[in-house]
N, C-alpha and C. Protein backbone atom coordinates (compact mmCIF):
# COMPACT_ATOMS: atom_id res chain seq x y z
N UNK A 1 -7.61 9.88 -3.38
CA UNK A 1 -7.83 9.74 -1.94
C UNK A 1 -6.53 9.40 -1.23
N UNK A 2 -6.52 9.67 0.05
CA UNK A 2 -5.36 9.31 0.86
C UNK A 2 -5.47 7.85 1.28
N UNK A 3 -4.37 7.30 1.72
CA UNK A 3 -4.28 5.87 2.02
C UNK A 3 -5.36 5.37 2.99
N UNK A 4 -5.63 6.05 4.11
CA UNK A 4 -6.67 5.52 5.01
C UNK A 4 -8.05 5.43 4.35
N UNK A 5 -8.39 6.40 3.51
CA UNK A 5 -9.69 6.37 2.82
C UNK A 5 -9.73 5.20 1.84
N UNK A 6 -8.62 4.96 1.15
CA UNK A 6 -8.56 3.82 0.23
C UNK A 6 -8.71 2.51 0.99
N UNK A 7 -8.09 2.43 2.15
CA UNK A 7 -8.21 1.22 2.97
C UNK A 7 -9.66 1.03 3.41
N UNK A 8 -10.35 2.13 3.70
CA UNK A 8 -11.73 2.07 4.13
C UNK A 8 -12.68 1.56 3.06
N UNK A 9 -12.30 1.68 1.79
CA UNK A 9 -13.12 1.14 0.71
C UNK A 9 -13.18 -0.38 0.82
N UNK A 10 -12.11 -0.99 1.29
CA UNK A 10 -12.06 -2.44 1.47
C UNK A 10 -12.86 -2.85 2.70
N UNK A 11 -12.60 -2.17 3.82
CA UNK A 11 -13.32 -2.46 5.07
C UNK A 11 -13.17 -1.28 6.00
N UNK A 12 -14.22 -0.89 6.68
CA UNK A 12 -14.17 0.28 7.56
C UNK A 12 -13.15 0.13 8.67
N UNK A 13 -12.91 -1.09 9.16
CA UNK A 13 -11.90 -1.30 10.20
C UNK A 13 -10.50 -0.97 9.70
N UNK A 14 -10.24 -1.17 8.41
CA UNK A 14 -8.93 -0.84 7.84
C UNK A 14 -8.68 0.66 7.96
N UNK A 15 -9.73 1.46 7.74
CA UNK A 15 -9.58 2.91 7.83
C UNK A 15 -9.45 3.36 9.28
N UNK A 16 -10.27 2.81 10.16
CA UNK A 16 -10.25 3.20 11.57
C UNK A 16 -8.91 2.91 12.23
N UNK A 17 -8.33 1.74 11.93
CA UNK A 17 -7.10 1.34 12.60
C UNK A 17 -5.86 1.47 11.75
N UNK A 18 -5.93 2.28 10.69
CA UNK A 18 -4.81 2.41 9.75
C UNK A 18 -3.51 2.78 10.47
N UNK A 19 -2.45 2.04 10.17
CA UNK A 19 -1.12 2.33 10.70
C UNK A 19 -0.24 2.86 9.57
N UNK A 20 -0.11 2.06 8.51
CA UNK A 20 0.70 2.46 7.36
C UNK A 20 0.36 1.55 6.19
N UNK A 21 0.88 1.89 5.03
CA UNK A 21 0.67 1.08 3.83
C UNK A 21 2.02 0.79 3.19
N UNK A 22 2.19 -0.44 2.75
CA UNK A 22 3.35 -0.81 1.95
C UNK A 22 2.90 -0.73 0.50
N UNK A 23 3.63 0.03 -0.31
CA UNK A 23 3.19 0.33 -1.67
C UNK A 23 4.24 -0.13 -2.68
N UNK A 24 3.76 -0.80 -3.72
CA UNK A 24 4.58 -1.18 -4.86
C UNK A 24 3.86 -0.67 -6.10
N UNK A 25 4.59 -0.02 -6.98
CA UNK A 25 4.00 0.41 -8.25
C UNK A 25 3.74 -0.84 -9.10
N UNK A 26 2.60 -0.85 -9.79
CA UNK A 26 2.21 -2.01 -10.59
C UNK A 26 3.30 -2.41 -11.59
N UNK A 27 3.90 -1.43 -12.24
CA UNK A 27 4.95 -1.71 -13.22
C UNK A 27 6.12 -2.45 -12.58
N UNK A 28 6.49 -2.05 -11.35
CA UNK A 28 7.58 -2.72 -10.64
C UNK A 28 7.18 -4.14 -10.26
N UNK A 29 5.92 -4.32 -9.85
CA UNK A 29 5.45 -5.65 -9.47
C UNK A 29 5.52 -6.60 -10.66
N UNK A 30 5.11 -6.13 -11.83
CA UNK A 30 5.17 -6.95 -13.04
C UNK A 30 6.63 -7.23 -13.41
N UNK A 31 7.48 -6.21 -13.31
CA UNK A 31 8.89 -6.36 -13.68
C UNK A 31 9.61 -7.37 -12.78
N UNK A 32 9.40 -7.28 -11.47
CA UNK A 32 10.13 -8.13 -10.53
C UNK A 32 9.39 -9.43 -10.20
N UNK A 33 8.09 -9.49 -10.40
CA UNK A 33 7.34 -10.72 -10.30
C UNK A 33 6.80 -11.12 -8.94
N UNK A 34 7.22 -10.45 -7.87
CA UNK A 34 6.70 -10.79 -6.55
C UNK A 34 6.96 -9.65 -5.57
N UNK A 35 6.24 -9.69 -4.46
CA UNK A 35 6.43 -8.69 -3.42
C UNK A 35 7.83 -8.78 -2.83
N UNK A 36 8.30 -9.99 -2.58
CA UNK A 36 9.62 -10.16 -1.98
C UNK A 36 10.73 -9.68 -2.91
N UNK A 37 10.58 -9.90 -4.22
CA UNK A 37 11.59 -9.43 -5.17
C UNK A 37 11.58 -7.90 -5.24
N UNK A 38 10.41 -7.29 -5.17
CA UNK A 38 10.32 -5.83 -5.15
C UNK A 38 10.96 -5.28 -3.88
N UNK A 39 10.72 -5.93 -2.76
CA UNK A 39 11.31 -5.50 -1.49
C UNK A 39 12.84 -5.57 -1.58
N UNK A 40 13.36 -6.66 -2.12
CA UNK A 40 14.81 -6.85 -2.25
C UNK A 40 15.42 -5.80 -3.19
N UNK A 41 14.66 -5.37 -4.19
CA UNK A 41 15.15 -4.38 -5.15
C UNK A 41 14.94 -2.94 -4.67
N UNK A 42 14.35 -2.78 -3.49
CA UNK A 42 14.10 -1.45 -2.95
C UNK A 42 12.92 -0.74 -3.59
N UNK A 43 11.99 -1.49 -4.15
CA UNK A 43 10.83 -0.92 -4.83
C UNK A 43 9.56 -0.99 -3.99
N UNK A 44 9.65 -1.37 -2.73
CA UNK A 44 8.52 -1.37 -1.82
C UNK A 44 8.69 -0.17 -0.90
N UNK A 45 7.68 0.68 -0.88
CA UNK A 45 7.75 1.91 -0.11
C UNK A 45 6.75 1.86 1.05
N UNK A 46 7.17 2.34 2.21
CA UNK A 46 6.29 2.41 3.38
C UNK A 46 5.76 3.84 3.45
N UNK A 47 4.45 3.97 3.41
CA UNK A 47 3.81 5.28 3.38
C UNK A 47 2.84 5.43 4.55
N UNK A 48 2.64 6.67 4.96
CA UNK A 48 1.76 6.96 6.09
C UNK A 48 0.39 7.47 5.67
N UNK A 49 -0.28 8.11 6.63
CA UNK A 49 -1.67 8.54 6.45
C UNK A 49 -1.85 9.63 5.40
N UNK A 50 -0.80 10.36 5.06
CA UNK A 50 -0.92 11.45 4.10
C UNK A 50 -0.61 11.03 2.67
N UNK A 51 -0.30 9.76 2.46
CA UNK A 51 0.03 9.29 1.11
C UNK A 51 -1.20 9.34 0.22
N UNK A 52 -1.05 9.95 -0.95
CA UNK A 52 -2.14 10.02 -1.93
C UNK A 52 -2.00 8.82 -2.86
N UNK A 53 -3.00 7.97 -2.87
CA UNK A 53 -2.98 6.74 -3.66
C UNK A 53 -3.04 7.09 -5.15
N UNK A 54 -2.18 6.42 -5.92
CA UNK A 54 -2.13 6.64 -7.36
C UNK A 54 -2.64 5.40 -8.09
N UNK A 55 -3.15 5.61 -9.29
CA UNK A 55 -3.61 4.51 -10.12
C UNK A 55 -2.44 3.55 -10.35
N UNK A 56 -2.66 2.28 -10.12
CA UNK A 56 -1.63 1.28 -10.33
C UNK A 56 -0.85 0.92 -9.08
N UNK A 57 -1.18 1.52 -7.93
CA UNK A 57 -0.51 1.14 -6.69
C UNK A 57 -1.00 -0.22 -6.22
N UNK A 58 -0.06 -1.08 -5.88
CA UNK A 58 -0.37 -2.36 -5.23
C UNK A 58 -0.07 -2.12 -3.76
N UNK A 59 -1.09 -2.27 -2.91
CA UNK A 59 -0.94 -1.86 -1.51
C UNK A 59 -1.24 -2.98 -0.53
N UNK A 60 -0.47 -2.99 0.53
CA UNK A 60 -0.68 -3.88 1.66
C UNK A 60 -0.92 -2.96 2.86
N UNK A 61 -2.13 -2.98 3.40
CA UNK A 61 -2.48 -2.10 4.51
C UNK A 61 -2.18 -2.78 5.84
N UNK A 62 -1.51 -2.06 6.72
CA UNK A 62 -1.28 -2.53 8.08
C UNK A 62 -2.20 -1.73 8.99
N UNK A 63 -2.94 -2.44 9.84
CA UNK A 63 -3.91 -1.77 10.70
C UNK A 63 -4.05 -2.54 12.00
N UNK A 64 -4.64 -1.88 12.98
CA UNK A 64 -4.89 -2.49 14.28
C UNK A 64 -6.21 -1.93 14.80
N UNK A 65 -7.12 -2.83 15.18
CA UNK A 65 -8.41 -2.38 15.70
C UNK A 65 -8.60 -2.93 17.10
């Protein structure tokens, strides 16, 4: 599924007001130990509505309703 649909699984408002998703691969999260460390290492990616969610993605959804 694409990112907005994945957000909608959590809550319908997440899908309706989807802006973007911050994505970290699970392996990178384990390797670096935190979101901030992944961000500092350049392993946090900002993705839009067309991003296809992959198994192991750790995602932070940004939305506005």
